[in-house]
């Protein structure tokens, strides 16, 4: 698992939203936090950490035969 960081902003209604996501180090996240705080002084911002695990996408064979209907579609009941 990889620890990643994100900068979260809170708007004037109290709703939080992600400003930047997937930051690899705490130092870079704090730099981005300072950037947002210097550009928009009226907003509230903080850094949040989360664990990320990369999962490989499974590839399925969609051309596989799983029954006689796939080999002999002409004998399928739904055609007649």
PDB file of N, CA and C in Angstrom:
ATOM      1  N   UNK A   1       0.829  -1.177   0.000  1.00  0.00           N
ATOM      2  CA  UNK A   1       0.000   0.000   0.000  1.00  0.00           C
ATOM      3  C   UNK A   1       0.877   1.244   0.000  1.00  0.00           C
ATOM      4  N   UNK A   2       0.378   2.271  -0.653  1.00  0.00           N
ATOM      5  CA  UNK A   2       1.095   3.533  -0.768  1.00  0.00           C
ATOM      6  C   UNK A   2       0.318   4.601  -0.010  1.00  0.00           C
ATOM      7  N   UNK A   3       1.020   5.435   0.741  1.00  0.00           N
ATOM      8  CA  UNK A   3       0.388   6.558   1.415  1.00  0.00           C
ATOM      9  C   UNK A   3       0.463   7.771   0.505  1.00  0.00           C
ATOM     10  N   UNK A   4      -0.699   8.316   0.166  1.00  0.00           N
ATOM     11  CA  UNK A   4      -0.791   9.509  -0.656  1.00  0.00           C
ATOM     12  C   UNK A   4      -1.456  10.622   0.138  1.00  0.00           C
ATOM     13  N   UNK A   5      -1.339  11.838  -0.366  1.00  0.00           N
ATOM     14  CA  UNK A   5      -1.869  13.010   0.319  1.00  0.00           C
ATOM     15  C   UNK A   5      -2.785  13.771  -0.611  1.00  0.00           C
ATOM     16  N   UNK A   6      -3.738  14.494  -0.012  1.00  0.00           N
ATOM     17  CA  UNK A   6      -4.615  15.368  -0.782  1.00  0.00           C
ATOM     18  C   UNK A   6      -4.856  16.646   0.001  1.00  0.00           C
ATOM     19  N   UNK A   7      -5.072  17.721  -0.743  1.00  0.00           N
ATOM     20  CA  UNK A   7      -5.387  19.012  -0.131  1.00  0.00           C
ATOM     21  C   UNK A   7      -6.899  19.187  -0.227  1.00  0.00           C
ATOM     22  N   UNK A   8      -7.512  19.424   0.912  1.00  0.00           N
ATOM     23  CA  UNK A   8      -8.951  19.591   1.008  1.00  0.00           C
ATOM     24  C   UNK A   8      -9.258  21.055   1.310  1.00  0.00           C
ATOM     25  N   UNK A   9     -10.234  21.609   0.616  1.00  0.00           N
ATOM     26  CA  UNK A   9     -10.678  22.973   0.860  1.00  0.00           C
ATOM     27  C   UNK A   9     -12.090  22.979   1.402  1.00  0.00           C
ATOM     28  N   UNK A  10     -12.388  23.954   2.261  1.00  0.00           N
ATOM     29  CA  UNK A  10     -13.730  24.119   2.822  1.00  0.00           C
ATOM     30  C   UNK A  10     -14.274  25.442   2.313  1.00  0.00           C
ATOM     31  N   UNK A  11     -15.433  25.391   1.655  1.00  0.00           N
ATOM     32  CA  UNK A  11     -15.992  26.613   1.091  1.00  0.00           C
ATOM     33  C   UNK A  11     -16.799  27.392   2.136  1.00  0.00           C
ATOM     34  N   UNK A  12     -17.409  28.483   1.697  1.00  0.00           N
ATOM     35  CA  UNK A  12     -18.114  29.363   2.636  1.00  0.00           C
ATOM     36  C   UNK A  12     -19.371  28.727   3.216  1.00  0.00           C
ATOM     37  N   UNK A  13     -19.847  27.628   2.620  1.00  0.00           N
ATOM     38  CA  UNK A  13     -21.028  26.936   3.130  1.00  0.00           C
ATOM     39  C   UNK A  13     -20.668  25.784   4.068  1.00  0.00           C
ATOM     40  N   UNK A  14     -19.394  25.545   4.269  1.00  0.00           N
ATOM     41  CA  UNK A  14     -18.938  24.474   5.144  1.00  0.00           C
ATOM     42  C   UNK A  14     -18.767  23.136   4.447  1.00  0.00           C
ATOM     43  N   UNK A  15     -18.894  23.120   3.139  1.00  0.00           N
ATOM     44  CA  UNK A  15     -18.728  21.873   2.385  1.00  0.00           C
ATOM     45  C   UNK A  15     -17.260  21.700   2.000  1.00  0.00           C
ATOM     46  N   UNK A  16     -16.764  20.490   2.153  1.00  0.00           N
ATOM     47  CA  UNK A  16     -15.376  20.228   1.795  1.00  0.00           C
ATOM     48  C   UNK A  16     -15.303  19.672   0.378  1.00  0.00           C
ATOM     49  N   UNK A  17     -14.213  19.971  -0.302  1.00  0.00           N
ATOM     50  CA  UNK A  17     -13.981  19.473  -1.642  1.00  0.00           C
ATOM     51  C   UNK A  17     -12.482  19.286  -1.846  1.00  0.00           C
ATOM     52  N   UNK A  18     -12.137  18.362  -2.708  1.00  0.00           N
ATOM     53  CA  UNK A  18     -10.729  18.048  -2.963  1.00  0.00           C
ATOM     54  C   UNK A  18     -10.165  19.080  -3.933  1.00  0.00           C
ATOM     55  N   UNK A  19      -9.125  19.752  -3.499  1.00  0.00           N
ATOM     56  CA  UNK A  19      -8.441  20.712  -4.365  1.00  0.00           C
ATOM     57  C   UNK A  19      -7.394  20.006  -5.226  1.00  0.00           C
ATOM     58  N   UNK A  20      -6.630  19.125  -4.597  1.00  0.00           N
ATOM     59  CA  UNK A  20      -5.594  18.385  -5.328  1.00  0.00           C
ATOM     60  C   UNK A  20      -5.459  17.016  -4.679  1.00  0.00           C
ATOM     61  N   UNK A  21      -5.297  15.990  -5.512  1.00  0.00           N
ATOM     62  CA  UNK A  21      -5.294  14.622  -5.029  1.00  0.00           C
ATOM     63  C   UNK A  21      -4.094  13.865  -5.599  1.00  0.00           C
ATOM     64  N   UNK A  22      -3.647  12.838  -4.892  1.00  0.00           N
ATOM     65  CA  UNK A  22      -2.577  11.979  -5.387  1.00  0.00           C
ATOM     66  C   UNK A  22      -1.189  12.548  -5.200  1.00  0.00           C
ATOM     67  N   UNK A  23      -0.989  13.378  -4.189  1.00  0.00           N
ATOM     68  CA  UNK A  23       0.328  13.966  -3.942  1.00  0.00           C
ATOM     69  C   UNK A  23       1.189  12.916  -3.244  1.00  0.00           C
ATOM     70  N   UNK A  24       2.387  12.642  -3.760  1.00  0.00           N
ATOM     71  CA  UNK A  24       3.170  11.502  -3.249  1.00  0.00           C
ATOM     72  C   UNK A  24       3.891  11.730  -1.924  1.00  0.00           C
ATOM     73  N   UNK A  25       4.168  12.984  -1.530  1.00  0.00           N
ATOM     74  CA  UNK A  25       4.922  13.186  -0.290  1.00  0.00           C
ATOM     75  C   UNK A  25       4.268  14.270   0.557  1.00  0.00           C
ATOM     76  N   UNK A  26       4.554  14.211   1.849  1.00  0.00           N
ATOM     77  CA  UNK A  26       3.989  15.186   2.784  1.00  0.00           C
ATOM     78  C   UNK A  26       4.572  16.578   2.544  1.00  0.00           C
ATOM     79  N   UNK A  27       5.829  16.644   2.145  1.00  0.00           N
ATOM     80  CA  UNK A  27       6.467  17.930   1.866  1.00  0.00           C
ATOM     81  C   UNK A  27       5.771  18.637   0.702  1.00  0.00           C
ATOM     82  N   UNK A  28       5.523  17.900  -0.369  1.00  0.00           N
ATOM     83  CA  UNK A  28       4.830  18.475  -1.522  1.00  0.00           C
ATOM     84  C   UNK A  28       3.401  18.873  -1.161  1.00  0.00           C
ATOM     85  N   UNK A  29       2.743  18.078  -0.339  1.00  0.00           N
ATOM     86  CA  UNK A  29       1.378  18.403   0.068  1.00  0.00           C
ATOM     87  C   UNK A  29       1.350  19.687   0.881  1.00  0.00           C
ATOM     88  N   UNK A  30       2.318  19.861   1.765  1.00  0.00           N
ATOM     89  CA  UNK A  30       2.368  21.090   2.552  1.00  0.00           C
ATOM     90  C   UNK A  30       2.711  22.298   1.679  1.00  0.00           C
ATOM     91  N   UNK A  31       3.515  22.109   0.650  1.00  0.00           N
ATOM     92  CA  UNK A  31       3.791  23.203  -0.287  1.00  0.00           C
ATOM     93  C   UNK A  31       2.524  23.606  -1.022  1.00  0.00           C
ATOM     94  N   UNK A  32       1.749  22.637  -1.463  1.00  0.00           N
ATOM     95  CA  UNK A  32       0.492  22.936  -2.134  1.00  0.00           C
ATOM     96  C   UNK A  32      -0.490  23.608  -1.180  1.00  0.00           C
ATOM     97  N   UNK A  33      -0.498  23.174   0.066  1.00  0.00           N
ATOM     98  CA  UNK A  33      -1.355  23.789   1.074  1.00  0.00           C
ATOM     99  C   UNK A  33      -1.003  25.262   1.246  1.00  0.00           C
ATOM    100  N   UNK A  34       0.274  25.562   1.343  1.00  0.00           N
ATOM    101  CA  UNK A  34       0.710  26.960   1.475  1.00  0.00           C
ATOM    102  C   UNK A  34       0.346  27.764   0.232  1.00  0.00           C
ATOM    103  N   UNK A  35       0.433  27.127  -0.943  1.00  0.00           N
ATOM    104  CA  UNK A  35       0.060  27.808  -2.185  1.00  0.00           C
ATOM    105  C   UNK A  35      -1.417  28.193  -2.171  1.00  0.00           C
ATOM    106  N   UNK A  36      -2.279  27.273  -1.797  1.00  0.00           N
ATOM    107  CA  UNK A  36      -3.715  27.567  -1.757  1.00  0.00           C
ATOM    108  C   UNK A  36      -4.029  28.624  -0.701  1.00  0.00           C
ATOM    109  N   UNK A  37      -3.370  28.537   0.459  1.00  0.00           N
ATOM    110  CA  UNK A  37      -3.613  29.531   1.511  1.00  0.00           C
ATOM    111  C   UNK A  37      -3.137  30.917   1.111  1.00  0.00           C
ATOM    112  N   UNK A  38      -2.063  31.001   0.325  1.00  0.00           N
ATOM    113  CA  UNK A  38      -1.571  32.317  -0.091  1.00  0.00           C
ATOM    114  C   UNK A  38      -2.422  32.903  -1.224  1.00  0.00           C
ATOM    115  N   UNK A  39      -2.965  32.051  -2.101  1.00  0.00           N
ATOM    116  CA  UNK A  39      -3.786  32.558  -3.213  1.00  0.00           C
ATOM    117  C   UNK A  39      -5.194  32.938  -2.769  1.00  0.00           C
ATOM    118  N   UNK A  40      -5.770  32.174  -1.885  1.00  0.00           N
ATOM    119  CA  UNK A  40      -7.134  32.429  -1.428  1.00  0.00           C
ATOM    120  C   UNK A  40      -7.138  32.488   0.104  1.00  0.00           C
ATOM    121  N   UNK A  41      -6.976  33.685   0.634  1.00  0.00           N
ATOM    122  CA  UNK A  41      -6.860  33.860   2.072  1.00  0.00           C
ATOM    123  C   UNK A  41      -8.179  33.619   2.814  1.00  0.00           C
ATOM    124  N   UNK A  42      -9.303  33.770   2.149  1.00  0.00           N
ATOM    125  CA  UNK A  42     -10.584  33.602   2.829  1.00  0.00           C
ATOM    126  C   UNK A  42     -11.012  32.139   2.948  1.00  0.00           C
ATOM    127  N   UNK A  43     -10.323  31.218   2.292  1.00  0.00           N
ATOM    128  CA  UNK A  43     -10.669  29.802   2.369  1.00  0.00           C
ATOM    129  C   UNK A  43      -9.921  29.083   3.467  1.00  0.00           C
ATOM    130  N   UNK A  44     -10.450  27.926   3.830  1.00  0.00           N
ATOM    131  CA  UNK A  44      -9.793  27.067   4.813  1.00  0.00           C
ATOM    132  C   UNK A  44      -9.325  25.808   4.086  1.00  0.00           C
ATOM    133  N   UNK A  45      -8.102  25.396   4.371  1.00  0.00           N
ATOM    134  CA  UNK A  45      -7.507  24.244   3.688  1.00  0.00           C
ATOM    135  C   UNK A  45      -6.768  23.379   4.700  1.00  0.00           C
ATOM    136  N   UNK A  46      -6.709  22.089   4.417  1.00  0.00           N
ATOM    137  CA  UNK A  46      -5.926  21.171   5.237  1.00  0.00           C
ATOM    138  C   UNK A  46      -5.458  19.997   4.383  1.00  0.00           C
ATOM    139  N   UNK A  47      -4.483  19.249   4.907  1.00  0.00           N
ATOM    140  CA  UNK A  47      -3.911  18.092   4.208  1.00  0.00           C
ATOM    141  C   UNK A  47      -4.461  16.829   4.839  1.00  0.00           C
ATOM    142  N   UNK A  48      -4.831  15.878   3.997  1.00  0.00           N
ATOM    143  CA  UNK A  48      -5.377  14.613   4.450  1.00  0.00           C
ATOM    144  C   UNK A  48      -4.564  13.478   3.828  1.00  0.00           C
ATOM    145  N   UNK A  49      -4.343  12.408   4.578  1.00  0.00           N
ATOM    146  CA  UNK A  49      -3.622  11.250   4.047  1.00  0.00           C
ATOM    147  C   UNK A  49      -4.610  10.112   3.807  1.00  0.00           C
ATOM    148  N   UNK A  50      -4.245   9.242   2.877  1.00  0.00           N
ATOM    149  CA  UNK A  50      -5.033   8.046   2.633  1.00  0.00           C
ATOM    150  C   UNK A  50      -4.143   6.964   2.049  1.00  0.00           C
ATOM    151  N   UNK A  51      -4.588   5.737   2.204  1.00  0.00           N
ATOM    152  CA  UNK A  51      -3.855   4.584   1.701  1.00  0.00           C
ATOM    153  C   UNK A  51      -4.402   4.208   0.328  1.00  0.00           C
ATOM    154  N   UNK A  52      -3.499   3.947  -0.596  1.00  0.00           N
ATOM    155  CA  UNK A  52      -3.887   3.572  -1.954  1.00  0.00           C
ATOM    156  C   UNK A  52      -3.224   2.256  -2.307  1.00  0.00           C
ATOM    157  N   UNK A  53      -4.029   1.352  -2.829  1.00  0.00           N
ATOM    158  CA  UNK A  53      -3.497   0.061  -3.275  1.00  0.00           C
ATOM    159  C   UNK A  53      -3.851  -0.111  -4.744  1.00  0.00           C
ATOM    160  N   UNK A  54      -2.842  -0.252  -5.581  1.00  0.00           N
ATOM    161  CA  UNK A  54      -3.063  -0.425  -7.012  1.00  0.00           C
ATOM    162  C   UNK A  54      -3.460  -1.867  -7.272  1.00  0.00           C
ATOM    163  N   UNK A  55      -4.597  -2.035  -7.919  1.00  0.00           N
ATOM    164  CA  UNK A  55      -5.065  -3.379  -8.262  1.00  0.00           C
ATOM    165  C   UNK A  55      -5.031  -3.527  -9.769  1.00  0.00           C
ATOM    166  N   UNK A  56      -4.531  -4.647 -10.202  1.00  0.00           N
ATOM    167  CA  UNK A  56      -4.473  -4.942 -11.628  1.00  0.00           C
ATOM    168  C   UNK A  56      -5.880  -5.228 -12.144  1.00  0.00           C
ATOM    169  N   UNK A  57      -6.177  -4.724 -13.317  1.00  0.00           N
ATOM    170  CA  UNK A  57      -7.468  -4.977 -13.925  1.00  0.00           C
ATOM    171  C   UNK A  57      -7.482  -6.384 -14.501  1.00  0.00           C
ATOM    172  N   UNK A  58      -8.558  -7.100 -14.208  1.00  0.00           N
ATOM    173  CA  UNK A  58      -8.680  -8.461 -14.725  1.00  0.00           C
ATOM    174  C   UNK A  58      -9.181  -8.409 -16.153  1.00  0.00           C
ATOM    175  N   UNK A  59      -8.607  -9.239 -16.979  1.00  0.00           N
ATOM    176  CA  UNK A  59      -9.001  -9.319 -18.381  1.00  0.00           C
ATOM    177  C   UNK A  59      -9.727 -10.644 -18.588  1.00  0.00           C
ATOM    178  N   UNK A  60     -10.936 -10.545 -19.070  1.00  0.00           N
ATOM    179  CA  UNK A  60     -11.744 -11.737 -19.292  1.00  0.00           C
ATOM    180  C   UNK A  60     -11.838 -12.030 -20.786  1.00  0.00           C
ATOM    181  N   UNK A  61     -11.885 -13.300 -21.124  1.00  0.00           N
ATOM    182  CA  UNK A  61     -12.058 -13.724 -22.501  1.00  0.00           C
ATOM    183  C   UNK A  61     -13.552 -13.720 -22.807  1.00  0.00           C
ATOM    184  N   UNK A  62     -13.991 -12.749 -23.610  1.00  0.00           N
ATOM    185  CA  UNK A  62     -15.409 -12.648 -23.938  1.00  0.00           C
ATOM    186  C   UNK A  62     -15.793 -13.567 -25.095  1.00  0.00           C
ATOM    187  N   UNK A  63     -14.835 -14.222 -25.699  1.00  0.00           N
ATOM    188  CA  UNK A  63     -15.113 -15.136 -26.804  1.00  0.00           C
ATOM    189  C   UNK A  63     -15.172 -16.593 -26.353  1.00  0.00           C
ATOM    190  N   UNK A  64     -15.184 -16.841 -25.070  1.00  0.00           N
ATOM    191  CA  UNK A  64     -15.192 -18.205 -24.564  1.00  0.00           C
ATOM    192  C   UNK A  64     -16.568 -18.834 -24.730  1.00  0.00           C
ATOM    193  N   UNK A  65     -16.590 -20.130 -24.880  1.00  0.00           N
ATOM    194  CA  UNK A  65     -17.827 -20.884 -25.016  1.00  0.00           C
ATOM    195  C   UNK A  65     -18.170 -21.458 -23.656  1.00  0.00           C
ATOM    196  N   UNK A  66     -19.376 -21.166 -23.178  1.00  0.00           N
ATOM    197  CA  UNK A  66     -19.762 -21.699 -21.873  1.00  0.00           C
ATOM    198  C   UNK A  66     -21.010 -22.584 -21.969  1.00  0.00           C
ATOM    199  N   UNK A  67     -21.439 -22.891 -23.168  1.00  0.00           N
ATOM    200  CA  UNK A  67     -22.599 -23.769 -23.325  1.00  0.00           C
ATOM    201  C   UNK A  67     -22.854 -24.051 -24.790  1.00  0.00           C
ATOM    202  N   UNK A  68     -23.770 -24.982 -25.033  1.00  0.00           N
ATOM    203  CA  UNK A  68     -24.049 -25.370 -26.418  1.00  0.00           C
ATOM    204  C   UNK A  68     -24.681 -24.234 -27.205  1.00  0.00           C
ATOM    205  N   UNK A  69     -25.376 -23.293 -26.514  1.00  0.00           N
ATOM    206  CA  UNK A  69     -26.008 -22.171 -27.206  1.00  0.00           C
ATOM    207  C   UNK A  69     -24.978 -21.291 -27.903  1.00  0.00           C
ATOM    208  N   UNK A  70     -23.776 -21.223 -27.349  1.00  0.00           N
ATOM    209  CA  UNK A  70     -22.724 -20.419 -27.963  1.00  0.00           C
ATOM    210  C   UNK A  70     -22.140 -21.103 -29.203  1.00  0.00           C
ATOM    211  N   UNK A  71     -22.118 -22.437 -29.214  1.00  0.00           N
ATOM    212  CA  UNK A  71     -21.557 -23.152 -30.352  1.00  0.00           C
ATOM    213  C   UNK A  71     -22.579 -23.315 -31.472  1.00  0.00           C
ATOM    214  N   UNK A  72     -23.849 -23.460 -31.110  1.00  0.00           N
ATOM    215  CA  UNK A  72     -24.911 -23.679 -32.100  1.00  0.00           C
ATOM    216  C   UNK A  72     -26.042 -22.671 -31.881  1.00  0.00           C
ATOM    217  N   UNK A  73     -25.820 -21.406 -32.238  1.00  0.00           N
ATOM    218  CA  UNK A  73     -26.865 -20.408 -31.985  1.00  0.00           C
ATOM    219  C   UNK A  73     -28.131 -20.643 -32.819  1.00  0.00           C
ATOM    220  N   UNK A  74     -28.035 -21.393 -33.903  1.00  0.00           N
ATOM    221  CA  UNK A  74     -29.212 -21.640 -34.745  1.00  0.00           C
ATOM    222  C   UNK A  74     -30.231 -22.528 -34.046  1.00  0.00           C
ATOM    223  N   UNK A  75     -29.808 -23.257 -32.994  1.00  0.00           N
ATOM    224  CA  UNK A  75     -30.736 -24.129 -32.276  1.00  0.00           C
ATOM    225  C   UNK A  75     -31.261 -23.483 -30.995  1.00  0.00           C
ATOM    226  N   UNK A  76     -30.979 -22.224 -30.813  1.00  0.00           N
ATOM    227  CA  UNK A  76     -31.451 -21.525 -29.620  1.00  0.00           C
ATOM    228  C   UNK A  76     -32.963 -21.355 -29.698  1.00  0.00           C
ATOM    229  N   UNK A  77     -33.678 -21.559 -28.593  1.00  0.00           N
ATOM    230  CA  UNK A  77     -35.136 -21.480 -28.553  1.00  0.00           C
ATOM    231  C   UNK A  77     -35.648 -20.072 -28.863  1.00  0.00           C
ATOM    232  N   UNK A  78     -34.888 -19.065 -28.510  1.00  0.00           N
ATOM    233  CA  UNK A  78     -35.364 -17.688 -28.659  1.00  0.00           C
ATOM    234  C   UNK A  78     -35.417 -17.239 -30.112  1.00  0.00           C
ATOM    235  N   UNK A  79     -34.788 -17.953 -31.019  1.00  0.00           N
ATOM    236  CA  UNK A  79     -34.775 -17.547 -32.425  1.00  0.00           C
ATOM    237  C   UNK A  79     -36.101 -17.897 -33.088  1.00  0.00           C
ATOM    238  N   UNK A  80     -36.693 -19.017 -32.724  1.00  0.00           N
ATOM    239  CA  UNK A  80     -37.924 -19.499 -33.385  1.00  0.00           C
ATOM    240  C   UNK A  80     -39.136 -18.816 -32.840  1.00  0.00           C
TER     241      UNK A  80
END
